[in-house]
Each structure stands twice: as structure tokens, then as C-alpha cells.
Amino acid sequence: MIGGLKKKILLVLSAGIALSAAKTPNQQFKIIKEVVKEWKSINKYNLQRAIKELYKSQLVEAKENPDGTVNLILSKNGKQVALRYKLENMSLRKPEIWDKKWRVVMFDIPEKHKKARDALRFHLKQMKFFEYQKSVFVTPYPCLKEIIFVSEFYRVKPFVRHVIATKLDNELHLKSHFGL
């Protein structure tokens, strides 16, 4: 089991992944600002102890530079653990003004991928999607990046569809559900 400080370290180290995926300098600046804030909040003694434990558990690797400094990087297993923590904390951002569009996520995942299908359904519910039908979920909020991330994480992207709709037959109920 990995404690809160180790989770924080893994997430801070995984910021490099997020930086490479950020499309605008503004997004990159927000990521860097958040990493600096998190890094400063960590007690240095506890940090050293947690890093040693992460190294022993092979979630991080140390790369020594020619000048004698050491870079701490996520191992392949560490990247998976960090992505899992990112997945657990994922939520949709509610825009100030609704664009009057519904995001519909549909999937038809084969039975041999049942665990991934159940995990996808769990994460959609966790992100406050409305379960329209067993394999159809709806939200009024932009979610394409999150859907791509979750479906790629569980390796079911070919079975997942994202639709933007301007009208649904039970729209009044959905508006009430989402407080619109």
C-alpha cells in the first residue's frame, strides 16, 4: 500500500507526462505552478524517506548525471501507478456557462474485457456522468480528454464512442439532474 506522501511524489514526477500532453503554454504553466506548490508542501525528511522506499519498491529510478547530481525518474511500473492515481482523482470541469451540448459516451466492450468495461463504467459514474442506459452515459460538460485517457488506460478505446448532441428526448430530466 502506498501512502499519501508517496502518491504525491509519484504524481509530481508524472507531471512530465502531463507537460508533454499539454497543448498550450498556459496549460503547461498551470501544471508547473501546481507541481511547485505540491513540492514545497512536502517535509524534506519525510520526502527523503519516502523516496528511498519508492526506490526499493522499484517505482522510481535514479539516474546519475556527469556533474554528480542525480535525477529521479518514474520506472515503467511507477508510471502505471501514477496514472492509476491520476485516474482515481479525475473529475470533469464545470464551465461557467453551459454550451447547451450533451456529451454522450457509448461503449460496446466485448465480454473478454469485462473487467475493463466495469472499470470504465465505474469511472464514468465517479466523474458524475448520468447513466442513460447500461453502456450509455451522458454529461453536459466537455469530457473528450478524460474519455480518451480512461479508455486508453484500460485499452478499450476501439470500443468507446464520444458523441456531442444538441438535443436529447429526456432533456428536462437531465437538466434537473445536473442543476442546469
N, C-alpha and C. Protein backbone atom coordinates (compact mmCIF):
# COMPACT_ATOMS: atom_id res chain seq x y z
N MET A 1 0.85 -1.19 0.00
CA MET A 1 0.00 0.00 0.00
C MET A 1 0.88 1.24 0.00
N ILE A 2 0.53 2.21 -0.79
CA ILE A 2 1.32 3.42 -0.91
C ILE A 2 0.60 4.55 -0.20
N GLY A 3 1.32 5.21 0.72
CA GLY A 3 0.74 6.30 1.49
C GLY A 3 0.61 7.59 0.70
N GLY A 4 0.02 8.59 1.35
CA GLY A 4 -0.26 9.86 0.71
C GLY A 4 0.97 10.57 0.17
N LEU A 5 2.06 10.58 0.94
CA LEU A 5 3.27 11.26 0.51
C LEU A 5 3.87 10.59 -0.72
N LYS A 6 3.89 9.27 -0.72
CA LYS A 6 4.43 8.55 -1.89
C LYS A 6 3.56 8.79 -3.12
N LYS A 7 2.23 8.82 -2.93
CA LYS A 7 1.34 9.14 -4.04
C LYS A 7 1.67 10.52 -4.60
N LYS A 8 1.86 11.48 -3.69
CA LYS A 8 2.15 12.85 -4.10
C LYS A 8 3.45 12.89 -4.90
N ILE A 9 4.47 12.17 -4.44
CA ILE A 9 5.76 12.14 -5.15
C ILE A 9 5.58 11.55 -6.54
N LEU A 10 4.86 10.45 -6.63
CA LEU A 10 4.64 9.83 -7.94
C LEU A 10 3.88 10.76 -8.88
N LEU A 11 2.90 11.46 -8.34
CA LEU A 11 2.13 12.39 -9.18
C LEU A 11 2.97 13.58 -9.61
N VAL A 12 3.82 14.07 -8.71
CA VAL A 12 4.70 15.19 -9.06
C VAL A 12 5.68 14.74 -10.15
N LEU A 13 6.24 13.53 -9.99
CA LEU A 13 7.16 13.03 -11.01
C LEU A 13 6.45 12.78 -12.34
N SER A 14 5.18 12.43 -12.29
CA SER A 14 4.44 12.18 -13.53
C SER A 14 4.02 13.47 -14.22
N ALA A 15 4.29 14.60 -13.62
CA ALA A 15 3.92 15.87 -14.24
C ALA A 15 4.59 16.04 -15.60
N GLY A 16 5.74 15.41 -15.78
CA GLY A 16 6.41 15.45 -17.08
C GLY A 16 5.53 14.88 -18.18
N ILE A 17 4.79 13.83 -17.86
CA ILE A 17 3.86 13.23 -18.82
C ILE A 17 2.77 14.25 -19.15
N ALA A 18 2.26 14.90 -18.10
CA ALA A 18 1.21 15.90 -18.30
C ALA A 18 1.72 17.08 -19.11
N LEU A 19 2.96 17.50 -18.83
CA LEU A 19 3.54 18.63 -19.57
C LEU A 19 3.64 18.31 -21.06
N SER A 20 4.05 17.09 -21.38
CA SER A 20 4.19 16.74 -22.79
C SER A 20 2.83 16.66 -23.47
N ALA A 21 1.77 16.39 -22.71
CA ALA A 21 0.42 16.31 -23.30
C ALA A 21 -0.27 17.67 -23.36
N ALA A 22 0.22 18.66 -22.59
CA ALA A 22 -0.40 19.99 -22.58
C ALA A 22 -0.23 20.63 -23.94
N LYS A 23 -1.30 21.23 -24.44
CA LYS A 23 -1.27 21.78 -25.79
C LYS A 23 -0.91 23.25 -25.85
N THR A 24 -1.07 23.96 -24.75
CA THR A 24 -0.79 25.39 -24.77
C THR A 24 0.18 25.76 -23.66
N PRO A 25 0.93 26.83 -23.83
CA PRO A 25 1.82 27.29 -22.77
C PRO A 25 1.07 27.59 -21.47
N ASN A 26 -0.17 28.06 -21.58
CA ASN A 26 -0.98 28.34 -20.39
C ASN A 26 -1.23 27.06 -19.59
N GLN A 27 -1.55 25.95 -20.28
CA GLN A 27 -1.76 24.68 -19.61
C GLN A 27 -0.45 24.21 -18.96
N GLN A 28 0.67 24.38 -19.67
CA GLN A 28 1.96 23.98 -19.12
C GLN A 28 2.30 24.80 -17.87
N PHE A 29 2.03 26.09 -17.91
CA PHE A 29 2.30 26.95 -16.76
C PHE A 29 1.49 26.50 -15.55
N LYS A 30 0.20 26.16 -15.76
CA LYS A 30 -0.64 25.70 -14.66
C LYS A 30 -0.08 24.43 -14.03
N ILE A 31 0.39 23.51 -14.87
CA ILE A 31 0.96 22.26 -14.37
C ILE A 31 2.21 22.54 -13.54
N ILE A 32 3.10 23.38 -14.07
CA ILE A 32 4.34 23.71 -13.36
C ILE A 32 4.03 24.39 -12.04
N LYS A 33 3.09 25.31 -12.05
CA LYS A 33 2.71 26.03 -10.83
C LYS A 33 2.19 25.06 -9.77
N GLU A 34 1.37 24.10 -10.18
CA GLU A 34 0.82 23.12 -9.25
C GLU A 34 1.91 22.20 -8.70
N VAL A 35 2.85 21.80 -9.56
CA VAL A 35 3.96 20.94 -9.12
C VAL A 35 4.80 21.66 -8.09
N VAL A 36 5.14 22.92 -8.34
CA VAL A 36 5.95 23.70 -7.39
C VAL A 36 5.23 23.82 -6.05
N LYS A 37 3.94 24.09 -6.10
CA LYS A 37 3.15 24.21 -4.87
C LYS A 37 3.17 22.89 -4.08
N GLU A 38 2.95 21.78 -4.75
CA GLU A 38 2.95 20.47 -4.08
C GLU A 38 4.33 20.15 -3.52
N TRP A 39 5.37 20.42 -4.30
CA TRP A 39 6.74 20.10 -3.89
C TRP A 39 7.13 20.87 -2.63
N LYS A 40 6.75 22.14 -2.56
CA LYS A 40 7.08 22.97 -1.40
C LYS A 40 6.36 22.51 -0.14
N SER A 41 5.21 21.85 -0.30
CA SER A 41 4.43 21.45 0.87
C SER A 41 4.93 20.15 1.51
N ILE A 42 5.92 19.51 0.89
CA ILE A 42 6.42 18.23 1.40
C ILE A 42 7.55 18.46 2.39
N ASN A 43 7.47 17.81 3.56
CA ASN A 43 8.52 17.84 4.58
C ASN A 43 9.76 17.13 4.02
N LYS A 44 10.92 17.78 4.07
CA LYS A 44 12.14 17.26 3.43
C LYS A 44 12.61 15.91 4.00
N TYR A 45 12.52 15.75 5.34
CA TYR A 45 12.93 14.48 5.94
C TYR A 45 12.02 13.34 5.46
N ASN A 46 10.71 13.60 5.52
CA ASN A 46 9.75 12.59 5.06
C ASN A 46 9.92 12.31 3.57
N LEU A 47 10.27 13.35 2.82
CA LEU A 47 10.50 13.20 1.39
C LEU A 47 11.64 12.22 1.13
N GLN A 48 12.76 12.42 1.81
CA GLN A 48 13.91 11.52 1.61
C GLN A 48 13.57 10.08 1.96
N ARG A 49 12.86 9.90 3.06
CA ARG A 49 12.47 8.55 3.48
C ARG A 49 11.53 7.91 2.45
N ALA A 50 10.55 8.69 1.97
CA ALA A 50 9.59 8.16 1.00
C ALA A 50 10.27 7.83 -0.32
N ILE A 51 11.22 8.66 -0.75
CA ILE A 51 11.94 8.39 -2.00
C ILE A 51 12.72 7.09 -1.88
N LYS A 52 13.38 6.86 -0.75
CA LYS A 52 14.12 5.60 -0.54
C LYS A 52 13.18 4.40 -0.64
N GLU A 53 12.00 4.53 -0.05
CA GLU A 53 11.03 3.43 -0.10
C GLU A 53 10.50 3.21 -1.52
N LEU A 54 10.28 4.30 -2.25
CA LEU A 54 9.83 4.17 -3.64
C LEU A 54 10.92 3.52 -4.49
N TYR A 55 12.17 3.88 -4.21
CA TYR A 55 13.30 3.29 -4.93
C TYR A 55 13.38 1.79 -4.65
N LYS A 56 13.23 1.42 -3.38
CA LYS A 56 13.27 0.00 -3.01
C LYS A 56 12.13 -0.78 -3.66
N SER A 57 10.99 -0.15 -3.79
CA SER A 57 9.83 -0.82 -4.40
C SER A 57 9.88 -0.75 -5.93
N GLN A 58 10.93 -0.17 -6.47
CA GLN A 58 11.18 -0.07 -7.92
C GLN A 58 10.12 0.74 -8.67
N LEU A 59 9.56 1.74 -7.98
CA LEU A 59 8.62 2.64 -8.65
C LEU A 59 9.34 3.87 -9.22
N VAL A 60 10.53 4.14 -8.71
CA VAL A 60 11.36 5.22 -9.24
C VAL A 60 12.76 4.68 -9.50
N GLU A 61 13.47 5.36 -10.39
CA GLU A 61 14.85 5.01 -10.71
C GLU A 61 15.70 6.26 -10.55
N ALA A 62 16.94 6.08 -10.16
CA ALA A 62 17.87 7.21 -10.03
C ALA A 62 18.84 7.16 -11.20
N LYS A 63 19.00 8.28 -11.87
CA LYS A 63 19.95 8.39 -12.99
C LYS A 63 21.01 9.42 -12.59
N GLU A 64 22.25 8.98 -12.51
CA GLU A 64 23.32 9.88 -12.11
C GLU A 64 23.83 10.65 -13.32
N ASN A 65 23.99 11.95 -13.15
CA ASN A 65 24.48 12.83 -14.21
C ASN A 65 25.99 12.95 -14.12
N PRO A 66 26.65 13.36 -15.21
CA PRO A 66 28.11 13.53 -15.20
C PRO A 66 28.60 14.52 -14.15
N ASP A 67 27.77 15.50 -13.80
CA ASP A 67 28.18 16.51 -12.82
C ASP A 67 27.96 16.05 -11.37
N GLY A 68 27.53 14.79 -11.19
CA GLY A 68 27.36 14.27 -9.84
C GLY A 68 25.95 14.40 -9.29
N THR A 69 25.09 15.16 -9.95
CA THR A 69 23.71 15.28 -9.49
C THR A 69 22.94 14.02 -9.90
N VAL A 70 21.81 13.81 -9.28
CA VAL A 70 21.00 12.63 -9.55
C VAL A 70 19.59 13.06 -9.95
N ASN A 71 19.11 12.48 -11.04
CA ASN A 71 17.73 12.70 -11.46
C ASN A 71 16.89 11.52 -11.01
N LEU A 72 15.74 11.82 -10.45
CA LEU A 72 14.80 10.80 -10.03
C LEU A 72 13.72 10.72 -11.09
N ILE A 73 13.51 9.53 -11.67
CA ILE A 73 12.50 9.36 -12.71
C ILE A 73 11.60 8.18 -12.37
N LEU A 74 10.41 8.20 -12.93
CA LEU A 74 9.49 7.09 -12.73
C LEU A 74 9.93 5.88 -13.54
N SER A 75 9.88 4.71 -12.93
CA SER A 75 10.11 3.48 -13.67
C SER A 75 8.85 3.19 -14.47
N LYS A 76 8.89 2.16 -15.30
CA LYS A 76 7.70 1.79 -16.07
C LYS A 76 6.55 1.46 -15.12
N ASN A 77 6.83 0.70 -14.08
CA ASN A 77 5.81 0.34 -13.09
C ASN A 77 5.33 1.59 -12.34
N GLY A 78 6.25 2.51 -12.04
CA GLY A 78 5.90 3.75 -11.36
C GLY A 78 4.97 4.61 -12.20
N LYS A 79 5.19 4.62 -13.52
CA LYS A 79 4.31 5.39 -14.41
C LYS A 79 2.89 4.83 -14.36
N GLN A 80 2.76 3.50 -14.34
CA GLN A 80 1.44 2.89 -14.27
C GLN A 80 0.74 3.24 -12.96
N VAL A 81 1.50 3.20 -11.86
CA VAL A 81 0.92 3.53 -10.55
C VAL A 81 0.49 4.99 -10.54
N ALA A 82 1.32 5.89 -11.06
CA ALA A 82 0.99 7.32 -11.09
C ALA A 82 -0.25 7.57 -11.95
N LEU A 83 -0.35 6.89 -13.08
CA LEU A 83 -1.52 7.05 -13.94
C LEU A 83 -2.78 6.56 -13.22
N ARG A 84 -2.64 5.48 -12.46
CA ARG A 84 -3.79 4.95 -11.72
C ARG A 84 -4.27 5.98 -10.68
N TYR A 85 -3.32 6.65 -10.00
CA TYR A 85 -3.70 7.67 -9.03
C TYR A 85 -4.35 8.87 -9.71
N LYS A 86 -3.83 9.22 -10.89
CA LYS A 86 -4.44 10.32 -11.64
C LYS A 86 -5.87 9.96 -12.02
N LEU A 87 -6.04 8.71 -12.40
CA LEU A 87 -7.35 8.22 -12.79
C LEU A 87 -8.33 8.28 -11.62
N GLU A 88 -7.87 7.92 -10.42
CA GLU A 88 -8.72 7.92 -9.24
C GLU A 88 -9.22 9.33 -8.89
N ASN A 89 -8.44 10.34 -9.21
CA ASN A 89 -8.77 11.71 -8.84
C ASN A 89 -9.38 12.52 -9.99
N MET A 90 -9.66 11.87 -11.10
CA MET A 90 -10.14 12.57 -12.28
C MET A 90 -11.58 13.07 -12.08
N SER A 91 -11.84 14.28 -12.52
CA SER A 91 -13.19 14.84 -12.49
C SER A 91 -13.35 15.76 -13.69
N LEU A 92 -14.59 16.08 -13.99
CA LEU A 92 -14.86 16.99 -15.10
C LEU A 92 -14.97 18.41 -14.59
N ARG A 93 -14.45 19.34 -15.36
CA ARG A 93 -14.53 20.76 -15.00
C ARG A 93 -15.86 21.30 -15.52
N LYS A 94 -16.60 21.93 -14.62
CA LYS A 94 -17.88 22.52 -14.98
C LYS A 94 -17.65 23.94 -15.48
N PRO A 95 -17.95 24.20 -16.76
CA PRO A 95 -17.77 25.56 -17.28
C PRO A 95 -18.76 26.54 -16.64
N GLU A 96 -18.38 27.80 -16.61
CA GLU A 96 -19.27 28.82 -16.02
C GLU A 96 -20.59 28.91 -16.78
N ILE A 97 -20.50 28.81 -18.09
CA ILE A 97 -21.71 28.89 -18.93
C ILE A 97 -21.81 27.60 -19.74
N TRP A 98 -22.96 26.94 -19.63
CA TRP A 98 -23.18 25.69 -20.36
C TRP A 98 -23.36 25.99 -21.84
N ASP A 99 -22.71 25.24 -22.71
CA ASP A 99 -22.80 25.45 -24.16
C ASP A 99 -24.03 24.78 -24.79
N LYS A 100 -24.92 24.23 -23.96
CA LYS A 100 -26.16 23.60 -24.40
C LYS A 100 -25.92 22.37 -25.28
N LYS A 101 -24.81 21.69 -25.03
CA LYS A 101 -24.50 20.46 -25.76
C LYS A 101 -24.33 19.33 -24.75
N TRP A 102 -24.80 18.17 -25.15
CA TRP A 102 -24.69 16.98 -24.32
C TRP A 102 -23.55 16.12 -24.86
N ARG A 103 -22.77 15.59 -23.96
CA ARG A 103 -21.70 14.66 -24.34
C ARG A 103 -22.19 13.26 -24.01
N VAL A 104 -22.25 12.43 -25.02
CA VAL A 104 -22.74 11.07 -24.85
C VAL A 104 -21.57 10.12 -25.06
N VAL A 105 -21.34 9.28 -24.09
CA VAL A 105 -20.28 8.27 -24.18
C VAL A 105 -20.96 6.91 -24.26
N MET A 106 -20.66 6.19 -25.33
CA MET A 106 -21.26 4.87 -25.55
C MET A 106 -20.13 3.86 -25.70
N PHE A 107 -20.38 2.66 -25.25
CA PHE A 107 -19.38 1.62 -25.45
C PHE A 107 -20.02 0.27 -25.62
N ASP A 108 -19.35 -0.57 -26.39
CA ASP A 108 -19.76 -1.94 -26.61
C ASP A 108 -18.48 -2.77 -26.48
N ILE A 109 -18.13 -3.05 -25.24
CA ILE A 109 -16.87 -3.71 -24.94
C ILE A 109 -17.11 -5.21 -24.82
N PRO A 110 -16.37 -6.02 -25.57
CA PRO A 110 -16.59 -7.47 -25.55
C PRO A 110 -16.46 -8.08 -24.15
N GLU A 111 -17.11 -9.20 -23.98
CA GLU A 111 -17.14 -9.90 -22.68
C GLU A 111 -15.73 -10.27 -22.20
N LYS A 112 -14.82 -10.53 -23.13
CA LYS A 112 -13.46 -10.90 -22.71
C LYS A 112 -12.75 -9.72 -22.02
N HIS A 113 -13.29 -8.50 -22.16
CA HIS A 113 -12.74 -7.32 -21.49
C HIS A 113 -13.69 -6.82 -20.40
N LYS A 114 -14.39 -7.74 -19.76
CA LYS A 114 -15.42 -7.40 -18.77
C LYS A 114 -14.87 -6.53 -17.64
N LYS A 115 -13.69 -6.84 -17.13
CA LYS A 115 -13.12 -6.05 -16.03
C LYS A 115 -12.86 -4.62 -16.47
N ALA A 116 -12.35 -4.44 -17.68
CA ALA A 116 -12.11 -3.09 -18.20
C ALA A 116 -13.44 -2.36 -18.41
N ARG A 117 -14.44 -3.07 -18.88
CA ARG A 117 -15.77 -2.47 -19.09
C ARG A 117 -16.36 -2.00 -17.76
N ASP A 118 -16.25 -2.85 -16.74
CA ASP A 118 -16.76 -2.48 -15.42
C ASP A 118 -15.97 -1.31 -14.83
N ALA A 119 -14.66 -1.29 -15.06
CA ALA A 119 -13.83 -0.19 -14.56
C ALA A 119 -14.19 1.12 -15.27
N LEU A 120 -14.41 1.06 -16.58
CA LEU A 120 -14.82 2.25 -17.32
C LEU A 120 -16.15 2.77 -16.79
N ARG A 121 -17.11 1.88 -16.60
CA ARG A 121 -18.41 2.27 -16.07
C ARG A 121 -18.25 2.92 -14.69
N PHE A 122 -17.41 2.34 -13.84
CA PHE A 122 -17.15 2.88 -12.51
C PHE A 122 -16.60 4.31 -12.60
N HIS A 123 -15.62 4.52 -13.48
CA HIS A 123 -15.00 5.85 -13.59
C HIS A 123 -15.96 6.88 -14.18
N LEU A 124 -16.81 6.48 -15.09
CA LEU A 124 -17.80 7.41 -15.61
C LEU A 124 -18.75 7.85 -14.50
N LYS A 125 -19.18 6.92 -13.68
CA LYS A 125 -20.04 7.27 -12.55
C LYS A 125 -19.29 8.15 -11.55
N GLN A 126 -18.03 7.84 -11.33
CA GLN A 126 -17.21 8.63 -10.41
C GLN A 126 -17.05 10.07 -10.90
N MET A 127 -17.02 10.25 -12.22
CA MET A 127 -16.92 11.59 -12.81
C MET A 127 -18.28 12.26 -12.95
N LYS A 128 -19.32 11.66 -12.35
CA LYS A 128 -20.67 12.23 -12.28
C LYS A 128 -21.42 12.23 -13.61
N PHE A 129 -21.10 11.25 -14.47
CA PHE A 129 -21.90 11.06 -15.68
C PHE A 129 -23.25 10.49 -15.27
N PHE A 130 -24.28 10.76 -16.07
CA PHE A 130 -25.60 10.19 -15.85
C PHE A 130 -25.67 8.90 -16.67
N GLU A 131 -26.07 7.80 -16.02
CA GLU A 131 -26.18 6.52 -16.73
C GLU A 131 -27.52 6.51 -17.49
N TYR A 132 -27.45 6.78 -18.76
CA TYR A 132 -28.61 6.87 -19.64
C TYR A 132 -29.17 5.48 -19.92
N GLN A 133 -28.27 4.57 -20.22
CA GLN A 133 -28.53 3.14 -20.37
C GLN A 133 -27.30 2.42 -19.84
N LYS A 134 -27.31 1.10 -19.85
CA LYS A 134 -26.21 0.34 -19.24
C LYS A 134 -24.84 0.71 -19.83
N SER A 135 -24.76 0.95 -21.11
CA SER A 135 -23.49 1.29 -21.74
C SER A 135 -23.53 2.65 -22.44
N VAL A 136 -24.40 3.53 -21.95
CA VAL A 136 -24.52 4.88 -22.50
C VAL A 136 -24.57 5.87 -21.33
N PHE A 137 -23.63 6.80 -21.33
CA PHE A 137 -23.55 7.79 -20.26
C PHE A 137 -23.59 9.19 -20.85
N VAL A 138 -24.15 10.13 -20.08
CA VAL A 138 -24.35 11.49 -20.57
C VAL A 138 -23.82 12.50 -19.55
N THR A 139 -23.24 13.58 -20.06
CA THR A 139 -22.85 14.71 -19.23
C THR A 139 -22.98 15.99 -20.08
N PRO A 140 -23.25 17.11 -19.44
CA PRO A 140 -23.29 18.37 -20.19
C PRO A 140 -21.91 19.04 -20.29
N TYR A 141 -20.91 18.43 -19.70
CA TYR A 141 -19.59 19.07 -19.60
C TYR A 141 -18.59 18.46 -20.58
N PRO A 142 -17.68 19.27 -21.12
CA PRO A 142 -16.64 18.74 -22.00
C PRO A 142 -15.86 17.61 -21.30
N CYS A 143 -15.63 16.52 -22.04
CA CYS A 143 -15.01 15.35 -21.41
C CYS A 143 -14.14 14.53 -22.35
N LEU A 144 -13.88 15.00 -23.55
CA LEU A 144 -13.18 14.19 -24.54
C LEU A 144 -11.81 13.73 -24.04
N LYS A 145 -11.02 14.65 -23.47
CA LYS A 145 -9.67 14.27 -22.99
C LYS A 145 -9.76 13.18 -21.93
N GLU A 146 -10.72 13.33 -21.02
CA GLU A 146 -10.88 12.36 -19.94
C GLU A 146 -11.30 10.99 -20.48
N ILE A 147 -12.20 10.98 -21.46
CA ILE A 147 -12.67 9.73 -22.05
C ILE A 147 -11.54 9.04 -22.79
N ILE A 148 -10.76 9.81 -23.53
CA ILE A 148 -9.61 9.23 -24.23
C ILE A 148 -8.63 8.64 -23.22
N PHE A 149 -8.33 9.38 -22.16
CA PHE A 149 -7.38 8.90 -21.15
C PHE A 149 -7.86 7.59 -20.52
N VAL A 150 -9.11 7.56 -20.06
CA VAL A 150 -9.63 6.38 -19.38
C VAL A 150 -9.70 5.18 -20.33
N SER A 151 -10.20 5.41 -21.54
CA SER A 151 -10.33 4.29 -22.48
C SER A 151 -8.96 3.78 -22.95
N GLU A 152 -7.98 4.66 -23.07
CA GLU A 152 -6.63 4.20 -23.41
C GLU A 152 -5.98 3.49 -22.23
N PHE A 153 -6.21 3.99 -21.02
CA PHE A 153 -5.64 3.37 -19.83
C PHE A 153 -6.09 1.91 -19.72
N TYR A 154 -7.37 1.66 -19.98
CA TYR A 154 -7.91 0.30 -19.89
C TYR A 154 -7.83 -0.46 -21.21
N ARG A 155 -7.24 0.15 -22.23
CA ARG A 155 -7.03 -0.46 -23.54
C ARG A 155 -8.34 -0.91 -24.20
N VAL A 156 -9.35 -0.05 -24.12
CA VAL A 156 -10.64 -0.35 -24.74
C VAL A 156 -11.09 0.76 -25.69
N LYS A 157 -10.16 1.63 -26.08
CA LYS A 157 -10.51 2.79 -26.91
C LYS A 157 -11.27 2.41 -28.20
N PRO A 158 -10.93 1.31 -28.86
CA PRO A 158 -11.66 0.97 -30.09
C PRO A 158 -13.16 0.70 -29.87
N PHE A 159 -13.55 0.44 -28.62
CA PHE A 159 -14.93 0.09 -28.32
C PHE A 159 -15.73 1.24 -27.73
N VAL A 160 -15.10 2.40 -27.60
CA VAL A 160 -15.74 3.55 -26.92
C VAL A 160 -15.98 4.67 -27.93
N ARG A 161 -17.18 5.24 -27.88
CA ARG A 161 -17.55 6.35 -28.76
C ARG A 161 -17.96 7.56 -27.94
N HIS A 162 -17.63 8.73 -28.46
CA HIS A 162 -17.96 10.01 -27.82
C HIS A 162 -18.76 10.81 -28.84
N VAL A 163 -19.96 11.22 -28.44
CA VAL A 163 -20.86 11.97 -29.34
C VAL A 163 -21.23 13.28 -28.66
N ILE A 164 -21.33 14.33 -29.46
CA ILE A 164 -21.83 15.61 -28.95
C ILE A 164 -23.20 15.82 -29.58
N ALA A 165 -24.21 15.95 -28.70
CA ALA A 165 -25.60 16.09 -29.17
C ALA A 165 -26.17 17.43 -28.72
N THR A 166 -27.07 17.97 -29.53
CA THR A 166 -27.70 19.24 -29.18
C THR A 166 -29.07 19.05 -28.55
N LYS A 167 -29.64 17.85 -28.66
CA LYS A 167 -30.96 17.60 -28.09
C LYS A 167 -31.08 16.13 -27.70
N LEU A 168 -31.68 15.90 -26.53
CA LEU A 168 -31.98 14.54 -26.09
C LEU A 168 -33.45 14.50 -25.70
N ASP A 169 -34.10 13.35 -25.84
CA ASP A 169 -35.54 13.28 -25.62
C ASP A 169 -35.98 13.50 -24.17
N ASN A 170 -35.11 13.25 -23.23
CA ASN A 170 -35.48 13.49 -21.82
C ASN A 170 -34.61 14.60 -21.22
N GLU A 171 -34.42 15.63 -22.01
CA GLU A 171 -33.54 16.72 -21.65
C GLU A 171 -33.95 17.43 -20.35
N LEU A 172 -35.22 17.57 -20.10
CA LEU A 172 -35.67 18.25 -18.88
C LEU A 172 -35.20 17.49 -17.65
N HIS A 173 -35.31 16.18 -17.68
CA HIS A 173 -34.84 15.36 -16.55
C HIS A 173 -33.33 15.52 -16.37
N LEU A 174 -32.59 15.49 -17.47
CA LEU A 174 -31.13 15.63 -17.39
C LEU A 174 -30.73 17.02 -16.89
N LYS A 175 -31.41 18.05 -17.37
CA LYS A 175 -31.11 19.40 -16.88
C LYS A 175 -31.35 19.50 -15.38
N SER A 176 -32.40 18.89 -14.93
CA SER A 176 -32.70 18.88 -13.49
C SER A 176 -31.62 18.11 -12.73
N HIS A 177 -31.24 16.97 -13.28
CA HIS A 177 -30.21 16.14 -12.63
C HIS A 177 -28.90 16.90 -12.46
N PHE A 178 -28.50 17.66 -13.48
CA PHE A 178 -27.23 18.38 -13.45
C PHE A 178 -27.37 19.81 -12.92
N GLY A 179 -28.57 20.20 -12.54
CA GLY A 179 -28.77 21.54 -11.98
C GLY A 179 -28.61 22.64 -13.01
N LEU A 180 -29.05 22.40 -14.22
CA LEU A 180 -28.92 23.39 -15.30
C LEU A 180 -30.21 24.17 -15.47
